[in-house]
Amino acid sequence: MKRIRTTRDSARRELFTRLELLYKAGEYEEVEATARALVAAPLPPWRKRPLPQWQARTLATGVAVAHGRGAEVMAELEELIAELEPVDAEAHVLQLVVRNNRVTVLVGQERYEEAETEALGILREVTRLAHLTPLWKLELSALENLAAALCGQARFEEAEDIARGNLPRAEEPALAALHATLVHSLNGQGRYEEALAEARRCTPHQARKDSGRLDLVTAEALRGLGCLGEAEVAARRALTDCAHHLHPTHPRIREARALLARIAEEGPRP
């Protein structure tokens, strides 16, 4: 029995490793379908808690959020958070990951104060768990969500501090997200030349979830500088990229369309 259990656990770890690689490659549909199939699989008799199903649901809902279907899975995120009582480190970390995915959805729904409160709570928990397991990737993701929530509340200086302070230790894909958030925070302060310079320093990351992100903040900087023609080109490129790679309900598609409308209202191209 012990050998069977060890073999199954090893196979499960290998499968999740493969799914993580597929996720990084942008194969969202395949990852979610496989994860949903794992959720539906019966538990082995020795399992006292449905940890494999929780892991699969965490992955499936996380992929849905990255794809832009956060509103669709919001109820499931909240249900999963309630189920994942942090009785041990593994379940606690899973719960924090799900909570962070929920923050991403809150930001997309423009529920910025709720997002800020939850992101701060996640960061406190990460600090408590840091001696048990490395959580720097989750921490950076929560910080990026926090900065986005602050931008949504027009607290751009605070968002800039978070982005600048964490860029030196960030790696992809967190680096691309934090850098774009820095550009967004500079745009919000009207520092468009600095914002454009930062945007041009960015190396666009090819993660599917980042589609259109850099072009969108670049377009906003160009608009602020009065370069409406260039801004329109960048905004249309962002919209095309998002439409090709993300779900039609992704918040970034809404943002790109709104920016194009503002550019159109501001007059003819120079």
Protein backbone atom coordinates (compact mmCIF):
# COMPACT_ATOMS: atom_id res chain seq x y z
CA MET A 1 0.00 0.00 0.00
CA LYS A 2 2.80 2.41 0.89
CA ARG A 3 4.52 1.74 -2.45
CA ILE A 4 1.25 2.40 -4.35
CA ARG A 5 0.74 5.61 -2.41
CA THR A 6 4.28 6.80 -3.12
CA THR A 7 3.94 5.96 -6.81
CA ARG A 8 0.65 7.83 -7.14
CA ASP A 9 1.96 10.86 -5.27
CA SER A 10 5.03 10.92 -7.53
CA ALA A 11 2.86 10.71 -10.64
CA ARG A 12 0.68 13.53 -9.33
CA ARG A 13 3.71 15.75 -8.72
CA GLU A 14 4.99 15.06 -12.22
CA LEU A 15 1.60 15.90 -13.71
CA PHE A 16 1.39 19.20 -11.84
CA THR A 17 4.93 20.05 -12.94
CA ARG A 18 3.91 19.43 -16.56
CA LEU A 19 0.80 21.57 -16.10
CA GLU A 20 2.88 24.41 -14.67
CA LEU A 21 5.09 24.29 -17.77
CA LEU A 22 2.01 24.35 -20.02
CA TYR A 23 0.67 27.30 -18.05
CA LYS A 24 3.91 29.22 -18.58
CA ALA A 25 3.65 28.38 -22.29
CA GLY A 26 0.16 29.93 -22.38
CA GLU A 27 -1.75 26.69 -22.94
CA TYR A 28 -4.55 27.85 -20.64
CA GLU A 29 -7.35 25.80 -22.13
CA GLU A 30 -5.44 22.52 -21.88
CA VAL A 31 -4.28 23.26 -18.34
CA GLU A 32 -7.75 24.10 -17.09
CA ALA A 33 -9.36 21.08 -18.78
CA THR A 34 -6.77 18.73 -17.27
CA ALA A 35 -7.06 20.32 -13.84
CA ARG A 36 -10.86 20.03 -13.94
CA ALA A 37 -10.52 16.36 -14.79
CA LEU A 38 -8.29 15.91 -11.74
CA VAL A 39 -10.91 17.61 -9.58
CA ALA A 40 -13.48 15.08 -10.75
CA ALA A 41 -11.23 12.05 -10.13
CA PRO A 42 -12.07 9.94 -7.05
CA LEU A 43 -9.83 10.26 -4.01
CA PRO A 44 -7.62 7.31 -2.99
CA PRO A 45 -8.99 5.68 0.18
CA TRP A 46 -6.03 6.76 2.34
CA ARG A 47 -6.60 10.47 1.66
CA LYS A 48 -8.05 12.13 4.75
CA ARG A 49 -8.26 15.53 3.06
CA PRO A 50 -8.84 16.36 -0.63
CA LEU A 51 -5.47 18.07 -1.11
CA PRO A 52 -5.01 16.92 -4.75
CA GLN A 53 -8.46 18.29 -5.64
CA TRP A 54 -7.69 21.55 -3.86
CA GLN A 55 -4.44 21.84 -5.82
CA ALA A 56 -6.24 21.13 -9.08
CA ARG A 57 -9.00 23.64 -8.33
CA THR A 58 -6.41 26.25 -7.36
CA LEU A 59 -4.68 25.74 -10.70
CA ALA A 60 -7.93 25.69 -12.70
CA THR A 61 -9.29 28.87 -11.14
CA GLY A 62 -5.90 30.59 -11.37
CA VAL A 63 -5.74 29.85 -15.09
CA ALA A 64 -9.28 31.19 -15.53
CA VAL A 65 -8.27 34.43 -13.77
CA ALA A 66 -5.15 34.81 -15.95
CA HIS A 67 -7.29 34.22 -19.03
CA GLY A 68 -9.65 37.02 -18.00
CA ARG A 69 -12.58 34.97 -16.69
CA GLY A 70 -12.21 36.08 -13.10
CA ALA A 71 -15.84 37.10 -12.63
CA GLU A 72 -16.92 33.67 -13.84
CA VAL A 73 -14.93 31.84 -11.15
CA MET A 74 -15.25 34.39 -8.32
CA ALA A 75 -17.79 32.30 -6.40
CA GLU A 76 -15.57 29.23 -6.72
CA LEU A 77 -12.55 31.20 -5.48
CA GLU A 78 -14.47 32.26 -2.38
CA GLU A 79 -15.74 28.71 -1.83
CA LEU A 80 -12.23 27.31 -2.13
CA ILE A 81 -10.84 29.89 0.30
CA ALA A 82 -13.45 28.79 2.85
CA GLU A 83 -12.63 25.10 2.32
CA LEU A 84 -8.88 25.56 2.62
CA GLU A 85 -8.56 25.84 6.36
CA PRO A 86 -4.86 26.52 6.98
CA VAL A 87 -4.29 23.52 9.24
CA ASP A 88 -0.82 22.97 7.78
CA ALA A 89 1.68 24.93 5.69
CA GLU A 90 0.71 23.29 2.39
CA ALA A 91 -2.98 24.11 2.72
CA HIS A 92 -2.14 27.58 4.04
CA VAL A 93 0.00 28.38 1.00
CA LEU A 94 -2.73 27.13 -1.35
CA GLN A 95 -5.24 29.35 0.41
CA LEU A 96 -2.96 32.37 0.00
CA VAL A 97 -2.56 31.64 -3.71
CA VAL A 98 -6.35 31.49 -4.12
CA ARG A 99 -6.78 34.68 -2.10
CA ASN A 100 -4.24 36.42 -4.32
CA ASN A 101 -6.11 35.28 -7.44
CA ARG A 102 -9.25 36.75 -5.88
CA VAL A 103 -7.41 40.07 -5.41
CA THR A 104 -6.60 40.07 -9.13
CA VAL A 105 -10.31 39.72 -9.85
CA LEU A 106 -11.19 42.51 -7.39
CA VAL A 107 -8.77 44.86 -9.14
CA GLY A 108 -10.31 43.96 -12.51
CA GLN A 109 -13.75 44.71 -11.08
CA GLU A 110 -12.47 48.09 -9.81
CA ARG A 111 -13.12 47.08 -6.18
CA TYR A 112 -9.85 48.69 -5.24
CA GLU A 113 -10.30 49.21 -1.50
CA GLU A 114 -11.28 45.56 -1.00
CA ALA A 115 -8.32 44.51 -3.12
CA GLU A 116 -5.93 46.62 -1.08
CA THR A 117 -7.19 45.21 2.23
CA GLU A 118 -6.92 41.63 1.02
CA ALA A 119 -3.47 42.11 -0.54
CA LEU A 120 -2.16 43.55 2.73
CA GLY A 121 -3.61 40.57 4.58
CA ILE A 122 -1.87 38.16 2.22
CA LEU A 123 1.45 39.93 2.69
CA ARG A 124 1.13 39.65 6.47
CA GLU A 125 0.51 35.91 6.15
CA VAL A 126 3.45 35.52 3.78
CA THR A 127 5.69 37.12 6.40
CA ARG A 128 4.43 34.66 9.02
CA LEU A 129 5.10 31.65 6.77
CA ALA A 130 8.44 32.77 5.36
CA HIS A 131 10.41 30.59 7.81
CA LEU A 132 8.58 27.46 6.61
CA THR A 133 8.64 27.75 2.84
CA PRO A 134 9.93 30.18 0.17
CA LEU A 135 7.07 32.41 -0.95
CA TRP A 136 8.84 35.24 -2.76
CA LYS A 137 6.95 34.65 -6.02
CA LEU A 138 3.61 34.87 -4.23
CA GLU A 139 4.83 37.91 -2.32
CA LEU A 140 5.79 39.73 -5.54
CA SER A 141 2.44 38.89 -7.12
CA ALA A 142 0.60 40.21 -4.06
CA LEU A 143 2.71 43.37 -4.12
CA GLU A 144 1.91 43.91 -7.81
CA ASN A 145 -1.79 43.49 -7.01
CA LEU A 146 -1.43 45.94 -4.12
CA ALA A 147 0.23 48.52 -6.39
CA ALA A 148 -2.55 48.08 -8.97
CA ALA A 149 -5.17 48.59 -6.25
CA LEU A 150 -3.40 51.77 -5.13
CA CYS A 151 -3.31 53.06 -8.72
CA GLY A 152 -7.04 52.45 -8.92
CA GLN A 153 -7.47 54.74 -5.92
CA ALA A 154 -5.23 57.41 -7.52
CA ARG A 155 -2.53 56.77 -4.91
CA PHE A 156 0.10 56.72 -7.59
CA GLU A 157 3.09 57.76 -5.47
CA GLU A 158 2.55 54.79 -3.13
CA ALA A 159 2.21 52.46 -6.10
CA GLU A 160 5.44 53.83 -7.58
CA ASP A 161 7.29 53.15 -4.32
CA ILE A 162 6.12 49.53 -4.30
CA ALA A 163 7.01 48.96 -7.94
CA ARG A 164 10.43 50.62 -7.78
CA GLY A 165 11.30 49.01 -4.48
CA ASN A 166 10.65 45.48 -5.73
CA LEU A 167 11.88 45.63 -9.34
CA PRO A 168 15.51 44.82 -8.40
CA ARG A 169 14.54 41.42 -6.96
CA ALA A 170 11.83 40.54 -9.46
CA GLU A 171 12.15 37.93 -12.18
CA GLU A 172 9.84 37.16 -15.07
CA PRO A 173 6.89 37.14 -15.22
CA ALA A 174 6.61 39.33 -12.10
CA LEU A 175 9.22 41.71 -13.55
CA ALA A 176 7.07 42.56 -16.57
CA ALA A 177 3.99 43.15 -14.41
CA LEU A 178 5.80 45.35 -11.89
CA HIS A 179 7.52 47.36 -14.64
CA ALA A 180 4.21 48.02 -16.38
CA THR A 181 2.67 49.03 -13.04
CA LEU A 182 5.55 51.47 -12.52
CA VAL A 183 4.80 53.05 -15.92
CA HIS A 184 1.11 53.21 -14.99
CA SER A 185 1.92 54.95 -11.69
CA LEU A 186 4.08 57.53 -13.49
CA ASN A 187 1.31 58.18 -16.01
CA GLY A 188 -1.06 58.74 -13.11
CA GLN A 189 1.26 61.44 -11.76
CA GLY A 190 1.47 63.16 -15.15
CA ARG A 191 5.15 62.26 -15.49
CA TYR A 192 4.68 61.12 -19.07
CA GLU A 193 8.24 61.53 -20.32
CA GLU A 194 9.54 59.39 -17.47
CA ALA A 195 6.76 56.90 -18.07
CA LEU A 196 7.58 56.60 -21.76
CA ALA A 197 11.30 56.20 -21.01
CA GLU A 198 10.51 53.41 -18.54
CA ALA A 199 8.15 51.74 -21.01
CA ARG A 200 10.87 51.74 -23.66
CA ARG A 201 13.29 50.17 -21.18
CA CYS A 202 10.95 47.22 -20.66
CA THR A 203 11.60 43.99 -22.45
CA PRO A 204 8.14 42.71 -23.34
CA HIS A 205 7.56 39.38 -21.64
CA GLN A 206 5.84 36.79 -23.75
CA ALA A 207 3.56 35.37 -21.03
CA ARG A 208 0.05 35.13 -22.40
CA LYS A 209 -1.46 36.82 -19.35
CA ASP A 210 0.64 39.94 -20.04
CA SER A 211 -0.77 40.41 -23.54
CA GLY A 212 -1.26 44.09 -24.33
CA ARG A 213 -0.08 45.28 -20.92
CA LEU A 214 3.03 47.17 -22.01
CA ASP A 215 1.44 48.64 -25.14
CA LEU A 216 -1.46 49.92 -23.06
CA VAL A 217 0.65 51.90 -20.58
CA THR A 218 2.88 53.08 -23.44
CA ALA A 219 -0.18 54.40 -25.25
CA GLU A 220 -1.25 56.28 -22.14
CA ALA A 221 2.18 57.93 -21.86
CA LEU A 222 2.10 58.93 -25.54
CA ARG A 223 -1.40 60.34 -25.14
CA GLY A 224 -0.24 62.40 -22.16
CA LEU A 225 2.56 63.82 -24.31
CA GLY A 226 0.08 64.76 -27.03
CA CYS A 227 1.34 62.16 -29.51
CA LEU A 228 -2.16 61.00 -30.33
CA GLY A 229 -1.28 59.19 -33.55
CA GLU A 230 1.39 57.08 -31.89
CA ALA A 231 -0.85 56.57 -28.89
CA GLU A 232 -3.64 55.25 -31.09
CA VAL A 233 -1.28 52.82 -32.82
CA ALA A 234 -0.04 51.48 -29.47
CA ALA A 235 -3.56 51.23 -28.04
CA ARG A 236 -4.84 49.37 -31.11
CA ARG A 237 -1.87 47.03 -30.92
CA ALA A 238 -2.73 46.36 -27.25
CA LEU A 239 -6.36 45.68 -28.12
CA THR A 240 -5.42 43.32 -30.96
CA ASP A 241 -2.95 41.45 -28.76
CA CYS A 242 -5.49 41.11 -25.94
CA ALA A 243 -8.27 40.00 -28.29
CA HIS A 244 -6.00 37.35 -29.79
CA HIS A 245 -4.67 35.87 -26.54
CA LEU A 246 -7.17 36.68 -23.78
CA HIS A 247 -10.83 36.05 -23.08
CA PRO A 248 -13.25 38.74 -24.37
CA THR A 249 -14.17 39.61 -20.77
CA HIS A 250 -10.60 40.38 -19.71
CA PRO A 251 -10.47 43.83 -18.01
CA ARG A 252 -7.53 44.89 -20.19
CA ILE A 253 -9.73 44.71 -23.29
CA ARG A 254 -12.15 47.11 -21.65
CA GLU A 255 -9.27 49.43 -20.72
CA ALA A 256 -7.87 49.42 -24.26
CA ARG A 257 -11.24 50.29 -25.76
CA ALA A 258 -11.77 53.08 -23.23
CA LEU A 259 -8.34 54.52 -24.02
CA LEU A 260 -9.02 54.44 -27.76
CA ALA A 261 -12.29 56.29 -27.14
CA ARG A 262 -10.47 58.99 -25.14
CA ILE A 263 -7.85 59.38 -27.86
CA ALA A 264 -10.59 59.76 -30.49
CA GLU A 265 -12.33 62.44 -28.42
CA GLU A 266 -9.17 64.53 -28.10
CA GLY A 267 -9.04 65.54 -31.72
CA PRO A 268 -7.31 64.73 -35.00
CA ARG A 269 -3.96 63.06 -35.13
CA PRO A 270 -0.98 65.46 -35.15
